[in-house]
N, C-alpha and C. Protein backbone atom coordinates (compact mmCIF):
# COMPACT_ATOMS: atom_id res chain seq x y z
N UNK A 1 -10.37 -5.97 -0.53
CA UNK A 1 -8.17 -5.51 -1.51
C UNK A 1 -8.12 -4.05 -2.01
N UNK A 2 -7.79 -3.65 -2.10
CA UNK A 2 -7.54 -2.20 -3.04
C UNK A 2 -7.31 -2.63 -3.71
N UNK A 3 -6.95 -1.26 -4.81
CA UNK A 3 -6.76 -1.19 -6.20
C UNK A 3 -4.92 -1.62 -6.01
N UNK A 4 -4.23 -0.94 -5.29
CA UNK A 4 -2.50 -1.09 -5.52
C UNK A 4 -2.86 -2.84 -5.24
N UNK A 5 -3.14 -3.24 -4.20
CA UNK A 5 -2.88 -4.82 -3.23
C UNK A 5 -3.10 -5.75 -4.86
N UNK A 6 -3.71 -5.19 -5.60
CA UNK A 6 -4.85 -6.31 -7.02
C UNK A 6 -3.70 -5.82 -7.85
N UNK A 7 -3.44 -5.01 -7.73
CA UNK A 7 -2.43 -4.98 -8.69
C UNK A 7 -0.81 -5.80 -8.59
N UNK A 8 0.09 -5.14 -7.37
CA UNK A 8 1.49 -6.15 -6.70
C UNK A 8 0.44 -7.56 -7.18
N UNK A 9 -0.69 -7.66 -6.68
CA UNK A 9 -0.72 -9.80 -6.54
C UNK A 9 -0.44 -10.08 -7.85
N UNK A 10 -1.36 -9.08 -8.74
CA UNK A 10 -1.19 -9.92 -10.70
C UNK A 10 0.11 -9.43 -11.20
N UNK A 11 0.84 -8.38 -10.59
CA UNK A 11 2.66 -8.22 -11.51
C UNK A 11 3.40 -9.51 -10.71
N UNK A 12 3.35 -9.64 -9.55
CA UNK A 12 4.35 -9.82 -8.44
C UNK A 12 4.40 -12.32 -8.61
N UNK A 13 2.89 -12.05 -8.60
CA UNK A 13 2.71 -13.81 -8.68
C UNK A 13 2.06 -14.56 -9.13
N UNK A 14 1.47 -15.35 -9.52
CA UNK A 14 0.63 -16.05 -10.63
C UNK A 14 -0.42 -16.06 -10.42
N UNK A 15 -2.28 -16.26 -10.36
CA UNK A 15 -3.11 -16.34 -10.41
C UNK A 15 -3.14 -17.44 -9.21
N UNK A 16 -2.08 -18.94 -9.25
CA UNK A 16 -2.35 -19.92 -8.99
C UNK A 16 -2.23 -19.64 -7.16
N UNK A 17 -1.61 -19.39 -7.33
CA UNK A 17 -1.03 -19.17 -5.76
C UNK A 17 -1.55 -17.69 -4.80
N UNK A 18 -1.55 -18.88 -4.01
CA UNK A 18 -2.06 -17.63 -2.12
C UNK A 18 -0.88 -16.29 -2.14
N UNK A 19 -1.91 -15.50 -1.39
CA UNK A 19 -1.37 -14.03 -1.85
C UNK A 19 -0.69 -13.91 -0.32
N UNK A 20 0.30 -13.79 0.10
CA UNK A 20 1.65 -13.76 0.97
C UNK A 20 0.38 -12.58 2.18
N UNK A 21 0.79 -13.53 3.17
CA UNK A 21 -0.09 -12.32 4.28
C UNK A 21 -0.10 -10.87 4.49
N UNK A 22 -1.21 -9.86 4.59
CA UNK A 22 -1.05 -8.68 4.96
C UNK A 22 0.06 -8.35 6.14
N UNK A 23 0.17 -6.93 5.33
CA UNK A 23 1.96 -6.46 6.73
C UNK A 23 0.70 -5.59 8.04
N UNK A 24 1.33 -6.65 8.61
CA UNK A 24 0.44 -5.99 10.35
C UNK A 24 0.21 -4.64 10.70
N UNK A 25 1.67 -3.55 9.84
CA UNK A 25 1.21 -2.52 10.33
C UNK A 25 1.18 -1.69 10.01
N UNK A 26 0.45 -1.51 8.33
CA UNK A 26 -0.32 -0.76 7.43
C UNK A 26 -1.51 -1.69 6.88
N UNK A 27 -2.22 -2.96 7.54
CA UNK A 27 -2.77 -3.42 6.72
C UNK A 27 -3.03 -3.91 5.53
N UNK A 28 -2.29 -4.30 5.07
CA UNK A 28 -1.75 -4.94 3.74
C UNK A 28 -1.83 -3.26 2.94
N UNK A 29 -2.38 -2.23 2.75
CA UNK A 29 -2.40 -1.12 2.64
C UNK A 29 -0.55 -0.29 1.66
N UNK A 30 0.30 -0.97 1.92
CA UNK A 30 1.68 -0.46 1.59
C UNK A 30 1.63 1.16 1.76
N UNK A 31 0.86 1.74 2.85
CA UNK A 31 1.62 3.22 3.49
C UNK A 31 0.46 3.93 3.15
N UNK A 32 0.72 4.78 3.76
CA UNK A 32 -0.81 6.17 3.89
C UNK A 32 -1.02 7.37 2.99
N UNK A 33 -1.70 7.99 3.33
CA UNK A 33 -1.60 9.76 2.42
C UNK A 33 -1.38 10.15 3.59
N UNK A 34 -0.75 11.26 3.27
CA UNK A 34 -0.35 11.82 4.09
C UNK A 34 -0.85 13.69 3.42
N UNK A 35 -2.05 14.29 4.41
CA UNK A 35 -2.16 15.74 4.18
C UNK A 35 -1.90 16.42 4.63
N UNK A 36 -1.07 17.34 3.85
CA UNK A 36 -0.07 18.70 4.18
C UNK A 36 -1.02 19.84 3.42
N UNK A 37 -2.80 19.79 3.34
CA UNK A 37 -3.24 21.34 2.82
C UNK A 37 -3.29 22.08 3.45
N UNK A 38 -2.78 23.54 3.28
CA UNK A 38 -3.42 24.73 4.14
C UNK A 38 -3.41 25.98 2.77
N UNK A 39 -4.14 26.80 3.58
CA UNK A 39 -4.78 28.02 3.00
C UNK A 39 -5.08 27.19 2.01
N UNK A 40 -5.85 26.85 0.85
CA UNK A 40 -7.16 26.35 0.36
C UNK A 40 -6.49 25.31 -0.85
N UNK A 41 -5.01 25.28 -0.57
CA UNK A 41 -4.03 24.25 -1.69
C UNK A 41 -3.58 22.62 -0.64
N UNK A 42 -5.00 22.19 -1.75
CA UNK A 42 -4.76 20.41 -1.55
C UNK A 42 -3.45 20.12 -2.09
N UNK A 43 -2.60 19.25 -1.24
CA UNK A 43 -1.16 18.53 -1.48
C UNK A 43 -2.27 17.09 -0.57
N UNK A 44 -1.63 16.01 -1.23
CA UNK A 44 -1.22 15.23 -1.09
C UNK A 44 -0.02 14.04 -1.34
N UNK A 45 0.47 12.85 -0.29
CA UNK A 45 1.27 12.45 -0.87
C UNK A 45 1.45 11.18 -0.14
N UNK A 46 1.65 10.01 -1.18
CA UNK A 46 1.99 8.80 0.06
C UNK A 46 3.43 8.46 0.62
N UNK A 47 2.97 8.02 1.47
CA UNK A 47 4.27 7.49 2.61
C UNK A 47 4.08 5.78 2.50
N UNK A 48 5.35 5.86 2.02
CA UNK A 48 5.14 4.37 2.36
C UNK A 48 5.79 3.91 3.07
N UNK A 49 5.31 1.98 3.76
CA UNK A 49 5.36 1.69 5.22
C UNK A 49 6.28 1.87 5.24
N UNK A 50 7.14 1.60 5.91
CA UNK A 50 8.53 1.51 7.09
C UNK A 50 8.57 -0.11 7.41
N UNK A 51 7.69 -0.77 7.60
CA UNK A 51 8.03 -2.27 7.66
C UNK A 51 7.68 -3.06 6.97
N UNK A 52 6.88 -3.13 5.21
CA UNK A 52 7.10 -3.78 4.83
C UNK A 52 7.69 -3.08 3.75
N UNK A 53 8.77 -1.50 3.52
CA UNK A 53 8.99 -0.27 2.48
C UNK A 53 7.58 -0.44 1.67
N UNK A 54 6.50 -0.65 1.97
CA UNK A 54 5.26 -0.51 0.62
C UNK A 54 4.80 -1.41 0.15
N UNK A 55 5.33 -2.27 0.68
CA UNK A 55 4.60 -3.87 -0.61
C UNK A 55 3.23 -4.17 -0.56
N UNK A 56 2.66 -4.09 1.74
CA UNK A 56 1.40 -4.69 1.79
C UNK A 56 1.17 -5.59 2.51
N UNK A 57 3.17 -6.24 2.44
CA UNK A 57 2.63 -7.94 2.60
C UNK A 57 3.97 -7.92 3.84
N UNK A 58 3.98 -9.45 4.47
CA UNK A 58 5.13 -9.88 5.19
C UNK A 58 6.15 -10.12 4.48
């Protein structure tokens, strides 16, 4: 479980309920880090999953 999933589950669901199944497109991560680094400058940004809209769940 990623840190993002742990925070999402804690906020969105009571602890006694099972977590919803993970998104198949992003494997439950909610998106990916996009690296656009060049010329020695590091640039990373978050791109939310289009299938689950960044929730990481179906």
